[in-house]
Amino acid sequence: MPVIDMSTLKPVGEFGSKAWGEACAEASIKILEAANLPSTINWAFSEHYTHPPARLMEGGREKAGYFIMVRDGKVTAADGIPDEVYTLPGFHAKIPWGCICNQSGALYGKEGGQQRQADQRVLYAAIEEYVGRENPFGLDINKEGKPSQMLDPVGPWPPEVGRAVGEGGEEGNGLHNIAATLQTDSPEYADLPVTAMRVPIFAEMTDQQKADYVKLCGIEM
């Protein structure tokens, strides 16, 4: 049985906000501590959302995002991303806030996740064509010389961690759906055309919406 009862959750803040990051971290700790992870696991998860709206960075906040760190099987998690996180291999993402904000609030299982990825590929290709250059989001270049949302050191998800955070995912539970349920809508997306997975549809935007959206993603024209 999943550790988190979804019926007890309610939206606490926008995607990438401090309140949302803290709530995601709290849920992560509960889930992973209940899994009784072996002491051999040393792994981390982090998502850094660049170019967030200024309102999300009030109070001297340095980074929009949150982390989960498992060191010798012990779990810590919090809003923000301390440098220590990057000393452990794992899932480390760095991407503009505007690229993934709205769709991160969609609830889905494996099939829905695949559809989200497909919708995002269409979105990113349309933006690249609109901007007229490759890597318009300014993603970091990986060791293979390619733009990537993933940062080194990359490490596979430990099976025990993957099972714990994914438990109940097909029935509406799991860490992604928990995070999505905790997320409130951001005003920038109120009038944008979106897919069923809440991914913005660039081709259906007005000229002004296109200009505003690429700016939201931190893209300089």
Protein backbone atom coordinates (compact mmCIF):
# COMPACT_ATOMS: atom_id res chain seq x y z
CA MET A 1 0.00 0.00 0.00
CA PRO A 2 1.39 3.45 -0.91
CA VAL A 3 2.74 5.48 1.99
CA ILE A 4 1.00 8.73 1.02
CA ASP A 5 -2.80 8.92 1.10
CA MET A 6 -3.63 11.08 -1.91
CA SER A 7 -6.96 12.14 -0.40
CA THR A 8 -5.07 14.07 2.28
CA LEU A 9 -3.16 16.23 -0.20
CA LYS A 10 -4.07 19.66 -1.50
CA PRO A 11 -2.24 22.23 -3.66
CA VAL A 12 0.32 24.20 -1.66
CA GLY A 13 2.18 26.32 -4.22
CA GLU A 14 3.26 26.84 -7.80
CA PHE A 15 5.65 24.48 -9.53
CA GLY A 16 9.16 25.33 -8.37
CA SER A 17 7.98 27.44 -5.43
CA LYS A 18 9.48 27.05 -1.96
CA ALA A 19 6.23 25.76 -0.47
CA TRP A 20 5.86 23.19 -3.24
CA GLY A 21 9.50 22.08 -3.02
CA GLU A 22 9.24 21.62 0.73
CA ALA A 23 6.06 19.58 0.38
CA CYS A 24 7.60 17.37 -2.32
CA ALA A 25 10.67 16.84 -0.15
CA GLU A 26 8.57 15.95 2.89
CA ALA A 27 6.62 13.37 0.89
CA SER A 28 9.86 11.93 -0.53
CA ILE A 29 11.31 11.43 2.93
CA LYS A 30 8.18 9.65 4.15
CA ILE A 31 8.14 7.34 1.14
CA LEU A 32 11.83 6.44 1.19
CA GLU A 33 12.16 6.07 4.95
CA ALA A 34 9.26 3.62 4.87
CA ALA A 35 11.14 1.61 2.22
CA ASN A 36 13.97 0.81 4.68
CA LEU A 37 16.66 1.37 2.05
CA PRO A 38 19.87 -0.66 2.35
CA SER A 39 22.95 1.18 3.65
CA THR A 40 24.73 0.51 0.36
CA ILE A 41 22.70 3.12 -1.54
CA ASN A 42 24.41 6.42 -2.33
CA TRP A 43 22.33 8.31 -4.87
CA ALA A 44 20.66 11.67 -5.39
CA PHE A 45 17.82 13.32 -7.25
CA SER A 46 17.69 17.01 -8.09
CA GLU A 47 15.70 19.27 -10.38
CA HIS A 48 16.88 22.83 -10.93
CA TYR A 49 14.37 25.08 -12.70
CA THR A 50 16.13 28.03 -14.30
CA HIS A 51 14.57 31.38 -15.27
CA PRO A 52 11.68 31.13 -12.78
CA PRO A 53 9.32 34.08 -12.31
CA ALA A 54 10.71 36.60 -9.82
CA ARG A 55 7.83 35.95 -7.42
CA LEU A 56 9.17 32.45 -6.77
CA MET A 57 12.58 33.75 -5.70
CA GLU A 58 11.50 36.20 -3.02
CA GLY A 59 13.15 36.10 0.38
CA GLY A 60 16.66 35.54 -0.93
CA ARG A 61 15.96 32.12 -2.39
CA GLU A 62 18.88 31.07 -4.61
CA LYS A 63 17.52 28.20 -6.73
CA ALA A 64 14.07 27.02 -7.73
CA GLY A 65 13.99 23.27 -7.30
CA TYR A 66 14.33 20.53 -4.74
CA PHE A 67 16.49 17.50 -4.02
CA ILE A 68 16.43 14.03 -2.53
CA MET A 69 19.70 12.57 -1.28
CA VAL A 70 20.37 9.03 -0.10
CA ARG A 71 23.76 8.62 1.55
CA ASP A 72 24.60 5.26 3.12
CA GLY A 73 20.91 4.49 2.93
CA LYS A 74 19.89 7.58 4.95
CA VAL A 75 17.41 9.94 3.31
CA THR A 76 17.45 13.73 3.30
CA ALA A 77 15.40 16.04 1.08
CA ALA A 78 14.54 19.73 1.00
CA ASP A 79 13.74 22.73 -1.13
CA GLY A 80 16.83 24.09 -2.90
CA ILE A 81 19.87 22.24 -4.21
CA PRO A 82 23.05 22.24 -2.08
CA ASP A 83 26.35 21.57 -3.84
CA GLU A 84 26.73 18.30 -1.94
CA VAL A 85 23.93 16.80 -4.02
CA TYR A 86 26.10 16.89 -7.14
CA THR A 87 28.79 14.77 -5.50
CA LEU A 88 26.48 11.76 -5.75
CA PRO A 89 25.51 10.05 -9.02
CA GLY A 90 21.84 10.08 -9.81
CA PHE A 91 19.09 11.96 -11.58
CA HIS A 92 20.15 15.60 -11.88
CA ALA A 93 18.04 17.77 -14.15
CA LYS A 94 18.47 21.43 -15.09
CA ILE A 95 15.86 22.99 -17.35
CA PRO A 96 14.02 26.30 -17.77
CA TRP A 97 10.99 26.57 -15.52
CA GLY A 98 8.69 27.60 -18.35
CA CYS A 99 9.43 24.46 -20.39
CA ILE A 100 7.91 22.01 -17.95
CA CYS A 101 5.88 23.96 -15.40
CA ASN A 102 2.34 23.44 -16.63
CA GLN A 103 2.61 19.80 -17.71
CA SER A 104 4.17 18.86 -14.38
CA GLY A 105 0.72 19.37 -12.91
CA ALA A 106 -0.79 16.58 -15.04
CA LEU A 107 -1.71 13.29 -13.36
CA TYR A 108 -0.63 10.16 -15.22
CA GLY A 109 0.85 6.68 -15.20
CA LYS A 110 3.34 5.16 -17.63
CA GLU A 111 1.24 5.74 -20.77
CA GLY A 112 0.48 9.32 -19.83
CA GLY A 113 4.15 9.95 -19.11
CA GLN A 114 5.04 8.72 -22.57
CA GLN A 115 2.39 10.98 -24.11
CA ARG A 116 3.76 13.94 -22.17
CA GLN A 117 7.23 13.25 -23.55
CA ALA A 118 5.84 13.01 -27.09
CA ASP A 119 3.95 16.29 -26.69
CA GLN A 120 7.07 17.97 -25.33
CA ARG A 121 9.16 16.83 -28.30
CA VAL A 122 6.64 18.57 -30.59
CA LEU A 123 6.77 21.70 -28.44
CA TYR A 124 10.56 21.85 -28.32
CA ALA A 125 10.91 21.26 -32.06
CA ALA A 126 8.44 24.06 -32.79
CA ILE A 127 10.34 26.45 -30.53
CA GLU A 128 13.66 25.54 -32.14
CA GLU A 129 12.17 26.31 -35.56
CA TYR A 130 10.67 29.58 -34.32
CA VAL A 131 13.93 30.73 -32.74
CA GLY A 132 16.00 29.53 -35.69
CA ARG A 133 18.80 27.81 -33.80
CA GLU A 134 19.61 24.59 -32.02
CA ASN A 135 19.48 24.31 -28.24
CA PRO A 136 17.35 27.44 -27.80
CA PHE A 137 16.90 26.66 -24.11
CA GLY A 138 20.63 26.93 -23.49
CA LEU A 139 20.89 23.46 -21.99
CA ASP A 140 24.27 22.39 -20.65
CA ILE A 141 26.45 20.36 -23.00
CA ASN A 142 27.12 16.83 -21.76
CA LYS A 143 30.29 14.78 -22.10
CA GLU A 144 29.07 13.55 -25.49
CA GLY A 145 28.95 17.14 -26.73
CA LYS A 146 25.15 17.27 -26.87
CA PRO A 147 22.66 19.58 -25.14
CA SER A 148 21.05 17.73 -22.25
CA GLN A 149 18.62 18.34 -19.42
CA MET A 150 20.61 15.83 -17.39
CA LEU A 151 23.76 16.81 -15.53
CA ASP A 152 26.70 14.66 -14.53
CA PRO A 153 27.21 12.58 -12.52
CA VAL A 154 24.38 10.48 -13.96
CA GLY A 155 23.56 7.33 -12.05
CA PRO A 156 20.81 4.72 -12.48
CA TRP A 157 17.82 4.74 -10.17
CA PRO A 158 18.43 2.16 -7.43
CA PRO A 159 15.65 -0.45 -7.79
CA GLU A 160 14.57 0.06 -4.19
CA VAL A 161 14.18 3.80 -4.74
CA GLY A 162 12.37 3.40 -8.04
CA ARG A 163 9.87 0.95 -6.59
CA ALA A 164 9.18 3.16 -3.60
CA VAL A 165 8.60 6.44 -5.42
CA GLY A 166 6.66 4.73 -8.22
CA GLU A 167 4.35 2.67 -6.03
CA GLY A 168 0.74 3.12 -7.07
CA GLY A 169 1.67 5.26 -10.07
CA GLU A 170 -0.80 3.56 -12.38
CA GLU A 171 -3.58 4.14 -9.84
CA GLY A 172 -2.85 7.86 -9.35
CA ASN A 173 -0.26 7.65 -6.58
CA GLY A 174 3.54 7.76 -6.81
CA LEU A 175 5.89 10.71 -6.38
CA HIS A 176 5.06 12.37 -9.72
CA ASN A 177 1.33 12.41 -9.01
CA ILE A 178 1.95 13.54 -5.44
CA ALA A 179 4.00 16.47 -6.73
CA ALA A 180 1.36 17.25 -9.37
CA THR A 181 -1.40 17.25 -6.75
CA LEU A 182 0.60 19.64 -4.56
CA GLN A 183 1.00 22.09 -7.49
CA THR A 184 -1.18 25.14 -8.02
CA ASP A 185 -1.67 26.59 -11.49
CA SER A 186 0.63 29.37 -12.66
CA PRO A 187 -1.06 32.40 -14.29
CA GLU A 188 1.20 32.44 -17.35
CA TYR A 189 -0.59 29.37 -18.72
CA ALA A 190 -4.19 30.43 -18.12
CA ASP A 191 -4.95 31.30 -21.76
CA LEU A 192 -2.45 29.09 -23.60
CA PRO A 193 -3.61 26.18 -25.78
CA VAL A 194 -2.44 22.92 -24.22
CA THR A 195 -2.65 19.18 -24.83
CA ALA A 196 -4.45 16.69 -22.60
CA MET A 197 -1.14 16.36 -20.75
CA ARG A 198 -1.12 20.16 -20.21
CA VAL A 199 1.83 20.66 -22.59
CA PRO A 200 1.61 24.04 -24.38
CA ILE A 201 0.76 23.77 -28.10
CA PHE A 202 3.11 26.27 -29.72
CA ALA A 203 1.57 26.01 -33.20
CA GLU A 204 -1.82 27.13 -31.88
CA MET A 205 -0.52 30.16 -29.98
CA THR A 206 -1.04 33.69 -31.21
CA ASP A 207 2.04 35.66 -32.28
CA GLN A 208 2.03 37.48 -28.94
CA GLN A 209 1.66 34.25 -26.99
CA LYS A 210 4.61 32.74 -28.84
CA ALA A 211 6.78 35.75 -28.06
CA ASP A 212 5.74 35.71 -24.42
CA TYR A 213 6.25 31.96 -24.08
CA VAL A 214 9.79 31.86 -25.43
CA LYS A 215 10.64 34.72 -23.07
CA LEU A 216 9.10 32.73 -20.22
CA CYS A 217 11.46 29.90 -21.10
CA GLY A 218 14.45 32.22 -20.78
CA ILE A 219 15.12 32.33 -24.51
CA GLU A 220 16.71 35.46 -25.93
CA MET A 221 15.71 36.36 -29.48
